Amino acid sequence: MSSFVTIKSFPNGLKVFLDDACSFEEIENEIRDKFGKSHDFFKGGKIAISFEGRNLSENEERSLTNIMEESADLTILYVIGKDDKTNQSFAKAVERPVYSKENDVFDGIYSGSVKQFERLETKGNIVVLGDVEPGGTIITDGNIIILGGLYGTAIINAKKDLDKLFIAANDVSAEKIQIGISEYYSKDKPKWVVKPKMVSKIAFLSQGKIVLENIGKSSLSHLCNNINNE
């Protein structure tokens, strides 16, 4: 019996090679079988996935990640891919529903730094457990929280309620910050190798312009007032 799916490991993740000639249903069935048989090995794991050998639509990609998570009882944090136009690598956080008032918010956690030429795209709020290095980019419709430094680009692409959204990081010397159509550029060149003293900062819209402040009572109060005045 020929195999339509080949799995190889890389640090903190798996490369999944897919046959381009068979039907998608055959791919689904083989992934369900292989990950189901490896349930005890993967159970409780949190990994990244890279699909190769076959072009997948967003719905097909979502179907395969759902099958993997259900069959092996694991969590796929993000899918690594490559932009055909720019040939740049990117990591896309896997969308999964979480509780909210409207029950329609997607949150993601990216474990690691967003490196040069990498682009992380998701919907809803995103937490980065690392830096956004020079040349790295985050794009989302929700809030961005970086538990390291922001030295690359962070973009909030939401169409409404922009004054209720924010970008926060433990250090900021960004190449670009964008909220809606408003843009902010750090005066200094990005510095991320030497960090003698990091100051947590938050960026938000005020009167149509991006304000970057040290995180404190004033900035947090401003955001709380905007969120509460719905």
Foldseek 3Di string as FASTA:
>chain_A
DDDQWDWDDDVQAIEIEGAAPDDLVSVLVRLLVVLLVCQVVAAAEEGEYEYDHYDDDPVSVLSSQVSNCVRNVYHYQWYWDADPVVRFIETEGRFDFDDDPVSPATEGEAEEEQDASYEYEYEHEYEYAYEDAANGEYEYQAEYEYAAEAQEEYEHQHPDPQQLYKYKYQAYQYCWYYGHHEIDHHPDHRDDPDPPDTFIWMWGDDPRYIDIDGDDDVVVVSNVVSVVVD
